[in-house]
Amino acid sequence: MDLLNCPNCGDIYVKHAIRDICDKCYREEEADYEKVYRFLRVRENRAATIERVAEVTGVKEELLYKWVRSGRLHTAQFPNLGYPCDKCGKIIRKGKLCEGCVTGMIGELETFEMERNRQEALHKAVYLSRDKRK
């Protein structure tokens, strides 16, 4: 059992697999979740964005992102909800990175791999040319 400080309030709590905060903050989060879920259950509010939900309910956007990321708020039911890409901040609905960042990283990795292959080929050519001098 690990004792940790709650990231929200600083109180000490026993860490376990389900919660990452103390009991008091967990109860507050659950009350906020109920408030958000009641708001989103209304048909007209199902298309609300994170900003709109936060504005109307008073719940912090970071908490809403946490619930979307963990699957507590399903993007299939609420199509305009999402969370920011870990690299650029664009709102996404799954994964950690948006398509643009994934494509960019793949391109960078391919460029790196090509450069590494070029360096290896150059090193082999230099090594072989030194070998022939003997």
Protein backbone atom coordinates (compact mmCIF):
# COMPACT_ATOMS: atom_id res chain seq x y z
CA MET A 1 0.00 0.00 0.00
CA ASP A 2 1.32 3.40 -1.00
CA LEU A 3 0.53 6.62 0.80
CA LEU A 4 0.35 9.60 -1.54
CA ASN A 5 -0.68 13.23 -1.42
CA CYS A 6 -3.87 14.01 -3.30
CA PRO A 7 -3.00 16.04 -6.42
CA ASN A 8 -6.14 18.17 -5.90
CA CYS A 9 -6.08 19.08 -2.22
CA GLY A 10 -2.80 17.74 -0.84
CA ASP A 11 -4.37 15.40 1.76
CA ILE A 12 -2.76 12.01 2.31
CA TYR A 13 -4.60 8.99 0.93
CA VAL A 14 -3.96 5.31 0.25
CA LYS A 15 -3.37 4.68 -3.45
CA HIS A 16 -5.35 1.96 -5.15
CA ALA A 17 -6.10 0.97 -8.73
CA ILE A 18 -9.47 2.68 -9.09
CA ARG A 19 -8.87 6.21 -7.77
CA ASP A 20 -6.00 8.64 -8.18
CA ILE A 21 -7.33 11.14 -5.61
CA CYS A 22 -8.47 11.14 -1.97
CA ASP A 23 -11.99 10.15 -0.89
CA LYS A 24 -13.12 13.74 -0.32
CA CYS A 25 -12.04 14.86 -3.79
CA TYR A 26 -13.47 11.67 -5.29
CA ARG A 27 -16.90 12.46 -3.82
CA GLU A 28 -16.65 16.01 -5.21
CA GLU A 29 -15.70 14.64 -8.65
CA GLU A 30 -18.63 12.24 -8.56
CA ALA A 31 -21.02 15.09 -7.71
CA ASP A 32 -19.57 17.08 -10.63
CA TYR A 33 -19.93 14.04 -12.90
CA GLU A 34 -23.60 13.71 -11.99
CA LYS A 35 -24.12 17.41 -12.75
CA VAL A 36 -22.44 17.04 -16.15
CA TYR A 37 -24.27 13.82 -16.98
CA ARG A 38 -27.66 15.34 -16.09
CA PHE A 39 -26.84 18.27 -18.40
CA LEU A 40 -25.77 15.99 -21.27
CA ARG A 41 -28.78 13.67 -20.94
CA VAL A 42 -31.03 16.46 -22.20
CA ARG A 43 -31.40 15.88 -25.95
CA GLU A 44 -30.60 19.50 -26.88
CA ASN A 45 -27.34 19.40 -24.90
CA ARG A 46 -25.89 16.22 -26.40
CA ALA A 47 -24.07 18.20 -29.08
CA ALA A 48 -22.48 20.57 -26.56
CA THR A 49 -18.74 21.18 -26.69
CA ILE A 50 -16.40 20.83 -23.72
CA GLU A 51 -16.30 24.61 -23.37
CA ARG A 52 -20.10 24.85 -23.28
CA VAL A 53 -20.43 22.01 -20.75
CA ALA A 54 -17.81 23.64 -18.52
CA GLU A 55 -19.51 27.03 -18.80
CA VAL A 56 -22.99 25.76 -17.93
CA THR A 57 -22.07 23.23 -15.22
CA GLY A 58 -19.10 25.03 -13.66
CA VAL A 59 -16.95 21.88 -13.93
CA LYS A 60 -13.32 22.39 -14.97
CA GLU A 61 -12.41 21.46 -18.55
CA GLU A 62 -9.48 19.32 -17.31
CA LEU A 63 -11.93 17.13 -15.40
CA LEU A 64 -14.14 16.79 -18.47
CA TYR A 65 -11.09 15.81 -20.54
CA LYS A 66 -10.23 13.20 -17.92
CA TRP A 67 -13.70 11.66 -18.16
CA VAL A 68 -13.67 11.59 -21.97
CA ARG A 69 -10.15 10.11 -22.00
CA SER A 70 -11.11 7.38 -19.52
CA GLY A 71 -14.35 6.59 -21.37
CA ARG A 72 -16.78 7.76 -18.70
CA LEU A 73 -18.23 10.23 -21.21
CA HIS A 74 -18.61 8.40 -24.52
CA THR A 75 -17.88 10.34 -27.68
CA ALA A 76 -20.35 8.12 -29.57
CA GLN A 77 -23.18 9.54 -27.46
CA PHE A 78 -21.77 13.07 -27.24
CA PRO A 79 -20.13 13.80 -30.62
CA ASN A 80 -18.61 17.20 -29.81
CA LEU A 81 -16.69 16.04 -26.74
CA GLY A 82 -13.01 15.25 -26.93
CA TYR A 83 -9.67 16.01 -25.32
CA PRO A 84 -6.47 17.70 -26.49
CA CYS A 85 -3.75 15.94 -28.48
CA ASP A 86 -0.71 15.42 -26.27
CA LYS A 87 1.54 17.15 -28.80
CA CYS A 88 -0.36 20.02 -30.45
CA GLY A 89 -3.54 20.44 -28.37
CA LYS A 90 -6.02 19.81 -31.19
CA ILE A 91 -9.23 18.21 -29.86
CA ILE A 92 -9.32 14.46 -30.56
CA ARG A 93 -11.66 11.63 -29.65
CA LYS A 94 -9.31 8.67 -29.26
CA GLY A 95 -5.65 7.89 -28.71
CA LYS A 96 -3.03 10.33 -27.52
CA LEU A 97 -2.10 12.09 -30.76
CA CYS A 98 -4.10 13.58 -33.64
CA GLU A 99 -3.69 12.28 -37.20
CA GLY A 100 -1.53 15.27 -38.17
CA CYS A 101 0.94 14.66 -35.35
CA VAL A 102 1.06 10.91 -36.06
CA THR A 103 1.72 11.57 -39.75
CA GLY A 104 4.40 14.13 -38.87
CA MET A 105 6.11 11.77 -36.45
CA ILE A 106 6.07 8.94 -38.99
CA GLY A 107 7.65 11.27 -41.54
CA GLU A 108 10.32 12.32 -39.04
CA LEU A 109 11.06 8.68 -38.20
CA GLU A 110 11.35 7.79 -41.88
CA THR A 111 13.72 10.72 -42.43
CA PHE A 112 15.78 9.66 -39.43
CA GLU A 113 15.92 6.07 -40.69
CA MET A 114 17.00 7.17 -44.18
CA GLU A 115 19.74 9.37 -42.69
CA ARG A 116 20.94 6.54 -40.47
CA ASN A 117 21.07 4.17 -43.46
CA ARG A 118 22.99 6.81 -45.44
CA GLN A 119 25.49 7.23 -42.59
CA GLU A 120 25.96 3.44 -42.35
CA ALA A 121 26.51 3.17 -46.11
CA LEU A 122 29.01 6.04 -45.99
CA HIS A 123 30.85 4.41 -43.09
CA LYS A 124 31.04 1.09 -44.99
CA ALA A 125 32.34 2.84 -48.10
CA VAL A 126 35.08 4.58 -46.11
CA TYR A 127 35.99 1.32 -44.35
CA LEU A 128 36.16 -0.60 -47.64
CA SER A 129 38.29 2.10 -49.31
CA ARG A 130 40.78 1.96 -46.43
CA ASP A 131 40.90 -1.81 -46.70
CA LYS A 132 41.89 -1.69 -50.41
CA ARG A 133 44.93 0.53 -49.73
CA LYS A 134 46.79 -2.25 -47.92
